[in-house]
Amino acid sequence: MTQAWRCAGLRWADAEPVLLWEGGRGSALPRGKKVAFGVVTGGVRTCVGARGHGCPTRAGVSGRSTGARCEECARLDRAHSVAADTIADDPRPYHVYLAWFGPGMVKVGITAVERGDARLLEQGAVCFSWLGRGPLMAARRVEEVLRAALGVPDRIPYADKRVVRSALPEAGERAAEVAELHGRAVVLDGWPESLERMPCRTVDHAEVFGLDELPGADGVVTELVAGGVVGGAVVAVAGPDLHLATGRGVVVLDTRLVTGWELVAVEAGEQDVLGVPVRELRRGGGGVQGGLF
């Protein structure tokens, strides 16, 4: 009987992308690696639960949902989320950062200091700089100041990030845009006294993601479906997105769409096959098995 694996999402560990499976095993995703799997025929995508706890009803969820949670589990997850601004008493220190995703695409955000740059890798930030450090509510206040005074957003859609990845300006130009905005931000009035301003030191992730000479994407997977097949070679990984070289060109797979599905290995002849819905883009061994692939 073919072994099925339930995907638990993509994580960045020591600046390396790893696809996780229920049970704790993981599959590293270096560039060039073949990624090939089939969705269990007749299978249903089920809720991944919240805050480390499984969904009590194993409710079904939409194939197009990037959250892979039912309504109740999504509510519980938001109720304990810094990103959703529902926690005010977290005693940990926080960084405020500026993250660059493409020309004119810079956002402000916060992340716990103990997480380092993991949050930036998870979002697919091509480069970033810390802006400040201090208590959570002070960090939140600076986010609000930048949005109001400079029009800097706190979110940039993944669809916008994907469009520009294959045509990025060189590293110096990227860093200059971050530095210019950083300079305007640190002189604004309204900074809480408890938040320390930090110097602009740009960190660039283009090499980590594999964006140098990245070919433009021909399409984006919109959802997985029961009985569907995904096969290709890893060209780049940025945030949750796999850029895969497939039999129909380079296609982006948001791994958040994979969570909650049961997957199986496919035959060698299907390792470049793409048998799931795709929206086309126009552009100018032996031993204990450690994972599905």
C-alpha atoms as a PDB file:
ATOM      1  CA  MET A   1       0.000   0.000   0.000  1.00  0.00           C
ATOM      2  CA  THR A   2       1.370   3.417  -0.945  1.00  0.00           C
ATOM      3  CA  GLN A   3       2.256   5.517   2.084  1.00  0.00           C
ATOM      4  CA  ALA A   4       0.468   8.856   2.333  1.00  0.00           C
ATOM      5  CA  TRP A   5       2.013  11.929   3.956  1.00  0.00           C
ATOM      6  CA  ARG A   6       0.099  14.921   5.313  1.00  0.00           C
ATOM      7  CA  CYS A   7       1.885  18.180   4.688  1.00  0.00           C
ATOM      8  CA  ALA A   8       2.406  20.541   7.648  1.00  0.00           C
ATOM      9  CA  GLY A   9       3.805  23.489   5.675  1.00  0.00           C
ATOM     10  CA  LEU A  10       7.124  25.041   4.730  1.00  0.00           C
ATOM     11  CA  ARG A  11       9.529  26.389   7.357  1.00  0.00           C
ATOM     12  CA  TRP A  12      12.830  28.227   7.093  1.00  0.00           C
ATOM     13  CA  ALA A  13      15.483  26.644   9.336  1.00  0.00           C
ATOM     14  CA  ASP A  14      18.965  28.184   9.418  1.00  0.00           C
ATOM     15  CA  ALA A  15      18.154  30.039   6.176  1.00  0.00           C
ATOM     16  CA  GLU A  16      17.206  26.763   4.446  1.00  0.00           C
ATOM     17  CA  PRO A  17      13.653  25.902   3.282  1.00  0.00           C
ATOM     18  CA  VAL A  18      12.208  22.629   4.606  1.00  0.00           C
ATOM     19  CA  LEU A  19       8.815  21.117   3.802  1.00  0.00           C
ATOM     20  CA  LEU A  20       7.405  19.586   6.988  1.00  0.00           C
ATOM     21  CA  TRP A  21       5.215  16.527   7.399  1.00  0.00           C
ATOM     22  CA  GLU A  22       2.902  15.499  10.217  1.00  0.00           C
ATOM     23  CA  GLY A  23       4.951  13.461  12.653  1.00  0.00           C
ATOM     24  CA  GLY A  24       7.917  15.833  12.580  1.00  0.00           C
ATOM     25  CA  ARG A  25       9.886  14.734   9.520  1.00  0.00           C
ATOM     26  CA  GLY A  26      10.989  17.225   6.900  1.00  0.00           C
ATOM     27  CA  SER A  27      12.200  17.402   3.299  1.00  0.00           C
ATOM     28  CA  ALA A  28      14.924  19.920   2.447  1.00  0.00           C
ATOM     29  CA  LEU A  29      14.327  21.900  -0.753  1.00  0.00           C
ATOM     30  CA  PRO A  30      17.696  22.815  -2.288  1.00  0.00           C
ATOM     31  CA  ARG A  31      17.755  24.254  -5.806  1.00  0.00           C
ATOM     32  CA  GLY A  32      17.638  21.567  -8.457  1.00  0.00           C
ATOM     33  CA  LYS A  33      15.807  19.053  -6.282  1.00  0.00           C
ATOM     34  CA  LYS A  34      12.971  17.119  -7.890  1.00  0.00           C
ATOM     35  CA  VAL A  35       9.641  17.702  -6.190  1.00  0.00           C
ATOM     36  CA  ALA A  36       6.979  15.220  -7.264  1.00  0.00           C
ATOM     37  CA  PHE A  37       3.808  14.168  -5.498  1.00  0.00           C
ATOM     38  CA  GLY A  38       0.215  13.221  -6.102  1.00  0.00           C
ATOM     39  CA  VAL A  39      -2.816  14.209  -4.068  1.00  0.00           C
ATOM     40  CA  VAL A  40      -4.643  11.150  -2.741  1.00  0.00           C
ATOM     41  CA  THR A  41      -7.466  10.234  -5.098  1.00  0.00           C
ATOM     42  CA  GLY A  42     -10.787  10.846  -3.392  1.00  0.00           C
ATOM     43  CA  GLY A  43      -9.008  12.736  -0.629  1.00  0.00           C
ATOM     44  CA  VAL A  44     -10.331  15.799   1.185  1.00  0.00           C
ATOM     45  CA  ARG A  45      -8.257  18.697   2.450  1.00  0.00           C
ATOM     46  CA  THR A  46      -8.722  18.963   6.204  1.00  0.00           C
ATOM     47  CA  CYS A  47      -8.151  21.763   8.704  1.00  0.00           C
ATOM     48  CA  VAL A  48      -4.631  21.944  10.181  1.00  0.00           C
ATOM     49  CA  GLY A  49      -5.852  23.163  13.584  1.00  0.00           C
ATOM     50  CA  ALA A  50      -4.547  26.090  15.610  1.00  0.00           C
ATOM     51  CA  ARG A  51      -1.701  26.903  17.976  1.00  0.00           C
ATOM     52  CA  GLY A  52      -0.218  23.401  17.781  1.00  0.00           C
ATOM     53  CA  HIS A  53      -3.507  21.596  18.399  1.00  0.00           C
ATOM     54  CA  GLY A  54      -5.325  19.510  15.816  1.00  0.00           C
ATOM     55  CA  CYS A  55      -8.785  20.460  14.617  1.00  0.00           C
ATOM     56  CA  PRO A  56     -11.255  18.605  16.869  1.00  0.00           C
ATOM     57  CA  THR A  57     -13.640  17.948  13.966  1.00  0.00           C
ATOM     58  CA  ARG A  58     -11.033  17.572  11.172  1.00  0.00           C
ATOM     59  CA  ALA A  59     -13.244  19.893   9.174  1.00  0.00           C
ATOM     60  CA  GLY A  60     -12.861  20.156   5.420  1.00  0.00           C
ATOM     61  CA  VAL A  61     -11.399  23.384   4.012  1.00  0.00           C
ATOM     62  CA  SER A  62     -11.313  24.997   0.588  1.00  0.00           C
ATOM     63  CA  GLY A  63      -8.502  24.072  -1.778  1.00  0.00           C
ATOM     64  CA  ARG A  64      -7.863  27.764  -2.423  1.00  0.00           C
ATOM     65  CA  SER A  65      -7.400  28.707   1.243  1.00  0.00           C
ATOM     66  CA  THR A  66      -3.824  29.658   2.148  1.00  0.00           C
ATOM     67  CA  GLY A  67      -4.674  29.367   5.839  1.00  0.00           C
ATOM     68  CA  ALA A  68      -5.965  25.772   5.640  1.00  0.00           C
ATOM     69  CA  ARG A  69      -8.110  26.329   8.742  1.00  0.00           C
ATOM     70  CA  CYS A  70     -11.811  26.003   9.416  1.00  0.00           C
ATOM     71  CA  GLU A  71     -13.651  29.038  10.743  1.00  0.00           C
ATOM     72  CA  GLU A  72     -13.334  28.048  14.411  1.00  0.00           C
ATOM     73  CA  CYS A  73      -9.616  27.190  14.247  1.00  0.00           C
ATOM     74  CA  ALA A  74      -8.912  30.382  12.307  1.00  0.00           C
ATOM     75  CA  ARG A  75     -10.644  32.349  15.074  1.00  0.00           C
ATOM     76  CA  LEU A  76      -8.537  30.635  17.752  1.00  0.00           C
ATOM     77  CA  ASP A  77      -5.354  31.273  15.785  1.00  0.00           C
ATOM     78  CA  ARG A  78      -6.132  34.985  15.401  1.00  0.00           C
ATOM     79  CA  ALA A  79      -6.959  35.264  19.108  1.00  0.00           C
ATOM     80  CA  HIS A  80      -3.316  34.481  19.945  1.00  0.00           C
ATOM     81  CA  SER A  81      -1.631  36.277  17.059  1.00  0.00           C
ATOM     82  CA  VAL A  82       0.785  39.183  17.265  1.00  0.00           C
ATOM     83  CA  ALA A  83       0.325  39.704  13.528  1.00  0.00           C
ATOM     84  CA  ALA A  84      -3.423  40.115  14.018  1.00  0.00           C
ATOM     85  CA  ASP A  85      -2.778  42.655  16.796  1.00  0.00           C
ATOM     86  CA  THR A  86      -4.694  40.613  19.386  1.00  0.00           C
ATOM     87  CA  ILE A  87      -1.866  40.362  21.960  1.00  0.00           C
ATOM     88  CA  ALA A  88      -0.905  43.425  23.980  1.00  0.00           C
ATOM     89  CA  ASP A  89       0.951  41.938  26.963  1.00  0.00           C
ATOM     90  CA  ASP A  90       3.799  39.975  25.342  1.00  0.00           C
ATOM     91  CA  PRO A  91       6.868  40.820  27.475  1.00  0.00           C
ATOM     92  CA  ARG A  92       9.423  39.895  24.804  1.00  0.00           C
ATOM     93  CA  PRO A  93      11.394  42.612  22.976  1.00  0.00           C
ATOM     94  CA  TYR A  94      10.433  43.235  19.361  1.00  0.00           C
ATOM     95  CA  HIS A  95      12.181  44.462  16.244  1.00  0.00           C
ATOM     96  CA  VAL A  96      10.547  46.910  13.852  1.00  0.00           C
ATOM     97  CA  TYR A  97      11.777  46.297  10.300  1.00  0.00           C
ATOM     98  CA  LEU A  98      11.563  47.624   6.757  1.00  0.00           C
ATOM     99  CA  ALA A  99      11.244  44.821   4.191  1.00  0.00           C
ATOM    100  CA  TRP A 100      11.822  45.286   0.435  1.00  0.00           C
ATOM    101  CA  PHE A 101      10.130  43.039  -2.131  1.00  0.00           C
ATOM    102  CA  GLY A 102      10.598  45.025  -5.336  1.00  0.00           C
ATOM    103  CA  PRO A 103      10.860  48.604  -6.625  1.00  0.00           C
ATOM    104  CA  GLY A 104       8.415  50.735  -4.654  1.00  0.00           C
ATOM    105  CA  MET A 105       7.357  47.707  -2.602  1.00  0.00           C
ATOM    106  CA  VAL A 106       8.559  48.275   0.971  1.00  0.00           C
ATOM    107  CA  LYS A 107       6.553  47.349   4.050  1.00  0.00           C
ATOM    108  CA  VAL A 108       6.927  47.918   7.772  1.00  0.00           C
ATOM    109  CA  GLY A 109       6.501  45.079  10.226  1.00  0.00           C
ATOM    110  CA  ILE A 110       7.449  43.727  13.617  1.00  0.00           C
ATOM    111  CA  THR A 111       8.902  40.426  14.805  1.00  0.00           C
ATOM    112  CA  ALA A 112      10.109  39.088  18.137  1.00  0.00           C
ATOM    113  CA  VAL A 113      13.847  39.731  18.554  1.00  0.00           C
ATOM    114  CA  GLU A 114      14.415  36.064  19.455  1.00  0.00           C
ATOM    115  CA  ARG A 115      13.225  35.003  15.966  1.00  0.00           C
ATOM    116  CA  GLY A 116      16.041  36.799  14.148  1.00  0.00           C
ATOM    117  CA  ASP A 117      15.283  37.171  10.444  1.00  0.00           C
ATOM    118  CA  ALA A 118      13.032  34.091  10.225  1.00  0.00           C
ATOM    119  CA  ARG A 119       9.938  36.241   9.708  1.00  0.00           C
ATOM    120  CA  LEU A 120      11.608  38.034   6.786  1.00  0.00           C
ATOM    121  CA  LEU A 121      12.520  34.727   5.138  1.00  0.00           C
ATOM    122  CA  GLU A 122       8.964  33.455   5.646  1.00  0.00           C
ATOM    123  CA  GLN A 123       7.552  36.514   3.868  1.00  0.00           C
ATOM    124  CA  GLY A 124       9.988  36.332   0.964  1.00  0.00           C
ATOM    125  CA  ALA A 125      11.631  39.691   1.739  1.00  0.00           C
ATOM    126  CA  VAL A 126      14.381  40.178  -0.841  1.00  0.00           C
ATOM    127  CA  CYS A 127      16.199  42.512   1.558  1.00  0.00           C
ATOM    128  CA  PHE A 128      15.486  44.255   4.849  1.00  0.00           C
ATOM    129  CA  SER A 129      16.871  46.395   7.635  1.00  0.00           C
ATOM    130  CA  TRP A 130      15.980  46.678  11.279  1.00  0.00           C
ATOM    131  CA  LEU A 131      14.490  50.029  12.180  1.00  0.00           C
ATOM    132  CA  GLY A 132      14.001  49.841  15.952  1.00  0.00           C
ATOM    133  CA  ARG A 133      13.883  47.589  19.003  1.00  0.00           C
ATOM    134  CA  GLY A 134      11.756  47.705  22.128  1.00  0.00           C
ATOM    135  CA  PRO A 135       8.483  46.602  23.785  1.00  0.00           C
ATOM    136  CA  LEU A 136       5.638  45.247  21.689  1.00  0.00           C
ATOM    137  CA  MET A 137       3.259  48.187  22.032  1.00  0.00           C
ATOM    138  CA  ALA A 138       6.029  50.694  21.284  1.00  0.00           C
ATOM    139  CA  ALA A 139       6.878  48.715  18.156  1.00  0.00           C
ATOM    140  CA  ARG A 140       3.205  48.785  17.182  1.00  0.00           C
ATOM    141  CA  ARG A 141       3.170  52.535  17.662  1.00  0.00           C
ATOM    142  CA  VAL A 142       6.069  53.011  15.226  1.00  0.00           C
ATOM    143  CA  GLU A 143       4.236  50.872  12.654  1.00  0.00           C
ATOM    144  CA  GLU A 144       1.297  53.251  12.922  1.00  0.00           C
ATOM    145  CA  VAL A 145       3.537  56.321  12.658  1.00  0.00           C
ATOM    146  CA  LEU A 146       5.136  55.064   9.429  1.00  0.00           C
ATOM    147  CA  ARG A 147       1.802  54.156   7.867  1.00  0.00           C
ATOM    148  CA  ALA A 148       0.319  57.545   8.664  1.00  0.00           C
ATOM    149  CA  ALA A 149       3.330  59.780   7.946  1.00  0.00           C
ATOM    150  CA  LEU A 150       5.044  57.967   5.070  1.00  0.00           C
ATOM    151  CA  GLY A 151       2.299  55.791   3.618  1.00  0.00           C
ATOM    152  CA  VAL A 152       4.289  52.608   4.225  1.00  0.00           C
ATOM    153  CA  PRO A 153       1.961  49.552   4.201  1.00  0.00           C
ATOM    154  CA  ASP A 154       2.129  46.666   6.665  1.00  0.00           C
ATOM    155  CA  ARG A 155       1.186  44.103   3.996  1.00  0.00           C
ATOM    156  CA  ILE A 156       2.119  43.445   0.369  1.00  0.00           C
ATOM    157  CA  PRO A 157       0.155  40.760  -1.533  1.00  0.00           C
ATOM    158  CA  TYR A 158       2.083  37.667  -2.601  1.00  0.00           C
ATOM    159  CA  ALA A 159       0.724  38.066  -6.113  1.00  0.00           C
ATOM    160  CA  ASP A 160       2.601  41.384  -6.351  1.00  0.00           C
ATOM    161  CA  LYS A 161       5.807  39.905  -4.918  1.00  0.00           C
ATOM    162  CA  ARG A 162       5.842  37.068  -7.470  1.00  0.00           C
ATOM    163  CA  VAL A 163       5.502  39.340 -10.480  1.00  0.00           C
ATOM    164  CA  VAL A 164       8.776  41.209  -9.819  1.00  0.00           C
ATOM    165  CA  ARG A 165      11.117  38.456  -8.562  1.00  0.00           C
ATOM    166  CA  SER A 166      12.595  37.650 -11.968  1.00  0.00           C
ATOM    167  CA  ALA A 167      13.419  41.287 -12.850  1.00  0.00           C
ATOM    168  CA  LEU A 168      14.923  42.795  -9.701  1.00  0.00           C
ATOM    169  CA  PRO A 169      17.364  45.720  -9.746  1.00  0.00           C
ATOM    170  CA  GLU A 170      20.895  45.034  -8.504  1.00  0.00           C
ATOM    171  CA  ALA A 171      21.650  44.743  -4.785  1.00  0.00           C
ATOM    172  CA  GLY A 172      22.990  48.289  -4.395  1.00  0.00           C
ATOM    173  CA  GLU A 173      19.797  49.790  -5.775  1.00  0.00           C
ATOM    174  CA  ARG A 174      17.694  47.622  -3.484  1.00  0.00           C
ATOM    175  CA  ALA A 175      19.714  48.672  -0.440  1.00  0.00           C
ATOM    176  CA  ALA A 176      19.542  52.341  -1.441  1.00  0.00           C
ATOM    177  CA  GLU A 177      15.735  52.294  -1.479  1.00  0.00           C
ATOM    178  CA  VAL A 178      15.650  50.749   2.006  1.00  0.00           C
ATOM    179  CA  ALA A 179      18.244  53.251   3.289  1.00  0.00           C
ATOM    180  CA  GLU A 180      16.309  56.229   1.916  1.00  0.00           C
ATOM    181  CA  LEU A 181      13.106  55.178   3.647  1.00  0.00           C
ATOM    182  CA  HIS A 182      14.984  54.259   6.823  1.00  0.00           C
ATOM    183  CA  GLY A 183      16.479  57.758   6.943  1.00  0.00           C
ATOM    184  CA  ARG A 184      13.048  59.357   6.644  1.00  0.00           C
ATOM    185  CA  ALA A 185      11.559  57.051   9.277  1.00  0.00           C
ATOM    186  CA  VAL A 186      14.065  57.557  12.091  1.00  0.00           C
ATOM    187  CA  VAL A 187      13.615  61.374  12.117  1.00  0.00           C
ATOM    188  CA  LEU A 188       9.831  61.264  12.399  1.00  0.00           C
ATOM    189  CA  ASP A 189       8.129  62.605  15.494  1.00  0.00           C
ATOM    190  CA  GLY A 190       6.005  60.196  17.490  1.00  0.00           C
ATOM    191  CA  TRP A 191       8.583  57.521  18.302  1.00  0.00           C
ATOM    192  CA  PRO A 192       8.007  56.150  21.835  1.00  0.00           C
ATOM    193  CA  GLU A 193      10.928  56.759  24.185  1.00  0.00           C
ATOM    194  CA  SER A 194      11.073  53.048  24.981  1.00  0.00           C
ATOM    195  CA  LEU A 195      11.872  52.111  21.371  1.00  0.00           C
ATOM    196  CA  GLU A 196      15.550  52.222  20.406  1.00  0.00           C
ATOM    197  CA  ARG A 197      16.317  53.476  16.902  1.00  0.00           C
ATOM    198  CA  MET A 198      18.670  51.121  15.035  1.00  0.00           C
ATOM    199  CA  PRO A 199      21.117  51.962  12.224  1.00  0.00           C
ATOM    200  CA  CYS A 200      20.357  50.940   8.644  1.00  0.00           C
ATOM    201  CA  ARG A 201      22.198  47.697   7.857  1.00  0.00           C
ATOM    202  CA  THR A 202      20.620  45.985   4.887  1.00  0.00           C
ATOM    203  CA  VAL A 203      20.540  42.184   4.734  1.00  0.00           C
ATOM    204  CA  ASP A 204      19.943  40.735   1.249  1.00  0.00           C
ATOM    205  CA  HIS A 205      18.225  37.359   0.719  1.00  0.00           C
ATOM    206  CA  ALA A 206      18.399  37.153  -3.080  1.00  0.00           C
ATOM    207  CA  GLU A 207      21.149  34.514  -3.031  1.00  0.00           C
ATOM    208  CA  VAL A 208      19.449  32.544  -0.254  1.00  0.00           C
ATOM    209  CA  PHE A 209      16.211  32.422  -2.271  1.00  0.00           C
ATOM    210  CA  GLY A 210      17.964  31.696  -5.586  1.00  0.00           C
ATOM    211  CA  LEU A 211      16.696  34.812  -7.345  1.00  0.00           C
ATOM    212  CA  ASP A 212      19.820  35.541  -9.394  1.00  0.00           C
ATOM    213  CA  GLU A 213      18.935  34.939 -13.050  1.00  0.00           C
ATOM    214  CA  LEU A 214      15.525  33.610 -12.021  1.00  0.00           C
ATOM    215  CA  PRO A 215      13.369  32.985 -15.114  1.00  0.00           C
ATOM    216  CA  GLY A 216       9.953  34.597 -15.145  1.00  0.00           C
ATOM    217  CA  ALA A 217       7.053  32.418 -14.055  1.00  0.00           C
ATOM    218  CA  ASP A 218       4.661  31.080 -16.683  1.00  0.00           C
ATOM    219  CA  GLY A 219       1.920  30.298 -14.195  1.00  0.00           C
ATOM    220  CA  VAL A 220       0.789  30.036 -10.578  1.00  0.00           C
ATOM    221  CA  VAL A 221      -0.944  27.023  -9.020  1.00  0.00           C
ATOM    222  CA  THR A 222      -4.345  28.188  -7.767  1.00  0.00           C
ATOM    223  CA  GLU A 223      -5.231  25.078  -5.744  1.00  0.00           C
ATOM    224  CA  LEU A 224      -4.565  21.382  -5.346  1.00  0.00           C
ATOM    225  CA  VAL A 225      -7.303  18.853  -6.107  1.00  0.00           C
ATOM    226  CA  ALA A 226      -7.883  15.214  -5.225  1.00  0.00           C
ATOM    227  CA  GLY A 227      -6.041  13.038  -7.739  1.00  0.00           C
ATOM    228  CA  GLY A 228      -3.897  15.946  -8.936  1.00  0.00           C
ATOM    229  CA  VAL A 229      -0.149  15.712  -9.603  1.00  0.00           C
ATOM    230  CA  VAL A 230       2.669  18.216  -9.118  1.00  0.00           C
ATOM    231  CA  GLY A 231       6.134  17.535 -10.505  1.00  0.00           C
ATOM    232  CA  GLY A 232       9.123  19.740 -11.220  1.00  0.00           C
ATOM    233  CA  ALA A 233      12.610  20.824 -10.199  1.00  0.00           C
ATOM    234  CA  VAL A 234      13.184  23.568  -7.631  1.00  0.00           C
ATOM    235  CA  VAL A 235      14.424  26.748  -9.316  1.00  0.00           C
ATOM    236  CA  ALA A 236      13.990  29.071  -6.330  1.00  0.00           C
ATOM    237  CA  VAL A 237      12.231  29.242  -2.966  1.00  0.00           C
ATOM    238  CA  ALA A 238      11.093  32.624  -1.631  1.00  0.00           C
ATOM    239  CA  GLY A 239       8.926  32.776   1.455  1.00  0.00           C
ATOM    240  CA  PRO A 240       6.299  30.023   1.038  1.00  0.00           C
ATOM    241  CA  ASP A 241       6.651  29.968  -2.765  1.00  0.00           C
ATOM    242  CA  LEU A 242       8.348  27.195  -4.733  1.00  0.00           C
ATOM    243  CA  HIS A 243       9.385  28.184  -8.257  1.00  0.00           C
ATOM    244  CA  LEU A 244       9.354  24.861 -10.134  1.00  0.00           C
ATOM    245  CA  ALA A 245      10.632  24.005 -13.615  1.00  0.00           C
ATOM    246  CA  THR A 246       7.891  21.769 -14.998  1.00  0.00           C
ATOM    247  CA  GLY A 247       6.888  20.328 -18.334  1.00  0.00           C
ATOM    248  CA  ARG A 248       4.814  23.464 -18.966  1.00  0.00           C
ATOM    249  CA  GLY A 249       7.428  26.014 -17.905  1.00  0.00           C
ATOM    250  CA  VAL A 250       8.266  27.650 -14.583  1.00  0.00           C
ATOM    251  CA  VAL A 251       5.288  27.543 -12.239  1.00  0.00           C
ATOM    252  CA  VAL A 252       4.944  28.989  -8.731  1.00  0.00           C
ATOM    253  CA  LEU A 253       3.468  26.753  -6.034  1.00  0.00           C
ATOM    254  CA  ASP A 254       2.474  28.484  -2.804  1.00  0.00           C
ATOM    255  CA  THR A 255       3.166  25.718  -0.276  1.00  0.00           C
ATOM    256  CA  ARG A 256       0.432  27.093   1.978  1.00  0.00           C
ATOM    257  CA  LEU A 257      -1.972  25.493  -0.527  1.00  0.00           C
ATOM    258  CA  VAL A 258      -0.373  22.081   0.144  1.00  0.00           C
ATOM    259  CA  THR A 259      -0.993  21.963   3.898  1.00  0.00           C
ATOM    260  CA  GLY A 260      -3.878  19.753   4.954  1.00  0.00           C
ATOM    261  CA  TRP A 261      -3.710  17.426   1.937  1.00  0.00           C
ATOM    262  CA  GLU A 262      -2.583  13.806   2.035  1.00  0.00           C
ATOM    263  CA  LEU A 263       0.102  13.252  -0.603  1.00  0.00           C
ATOM    264  CA  VAL A 264       1.722  10.194  -2.173  1.00  0.00           C
ATOM    265  CA  ALA A 265       4.797   9.550  -4.301  1.00  0.00           C
ATOM    266  CA  VAL A 266       4.348   9.410  -8.093  1.00  0.00           C
ATOM    267  CA  GLU A 267       5.929   7.333 -10.819  1.00  0.00           C
ATOM    268  CA  ALA A 268       9.136   8.535 -12.502  1.00  0.00           C
ATOM    269  CA  GLY A 269       7.228   9.436 -15.661  1.00  0.00           C
ATOM    270  CA  GLU A 270       5.122  11.967 -13.759  1.00  0.00           C
ATOM    271  CA  GLN A 271       7.978  13.899 -12.164  1.00  0.00           C
ATOM    272  CA  ASP A 272       7.607  16.843 -14.562  1.00  0.00           C
ATOM    273  CA  VAL A 273       3.823  16.658 -14.812  1.00  0.00           C
ATOM    274  CA  LEU A 274       1.514  19.405 -13.580  1.00  0.00           C
ATOM    275  CA  GLY A 275      -2.017  18.094 -13.159  1.00  0.00           C
ATOM    276  CA  VAL A 276      -3.584  20.784 -10.954  1.00  0.00           C
ATOM    277  CA  PRO A 277      -5.337  24.090 -11.752  1.00  0.00           C
ATOM    278  CA  VAL A 278      -2.869  26.757 -12.887  1.00  0.00           C
ATOM    279  CA  ARG A 279      -3.451  30.416 -13.680  1.00  0.00           C
ATOM    280  CA  GLU A 280      -1.241  31.431 -16.571  1.00  0.00           C
ATOM    281  CA  LEU A 281       0.917  34.513 -16.235  1.00  0.00           C
ATOM    282  CA  ARG A 282       1.878  36.749 -19.099  1.00  0.00           C
ATOM    283  CA  ARG A 283       5.296  38.338 -18.850  1.00  0.00           C
ATOM    284  CA  GLY A 284       7.303  40.721 -21.042  1.00  0.00           C
ATOM    285  CA  GLY A 285      15.887   5.000  -0.765  1.00  0.00           C
ATOM    286  CA  GLY A 286      16.540   2.474   1.571  1.00  0.00           C
ATOM    287  CA  GLY A 287      15.884   2.546   5.315  1.00  0.00           C
ATOM    288  CA  VAL A 288      13.157   4.516   7.035  1.00  0.00           C
ATOM    289  CA  GLN A 289      11.503   6.998   4.708  1.00  0.00           C
ATOM    290  CA  GLY A 290      12.190  10.518   5.988  1.00  0.00           C
ATOM    291  CA  GLY A 291       9.515  12.260   3.950  1.00  0.00           C
ATOM    292  CA  LEU A 292       7.553  12.072   0.765  1.00  0.00           C
ATOM    293  CA  PHE A 293      10.541  13.191  -1.345  1.00  0.00           C
END
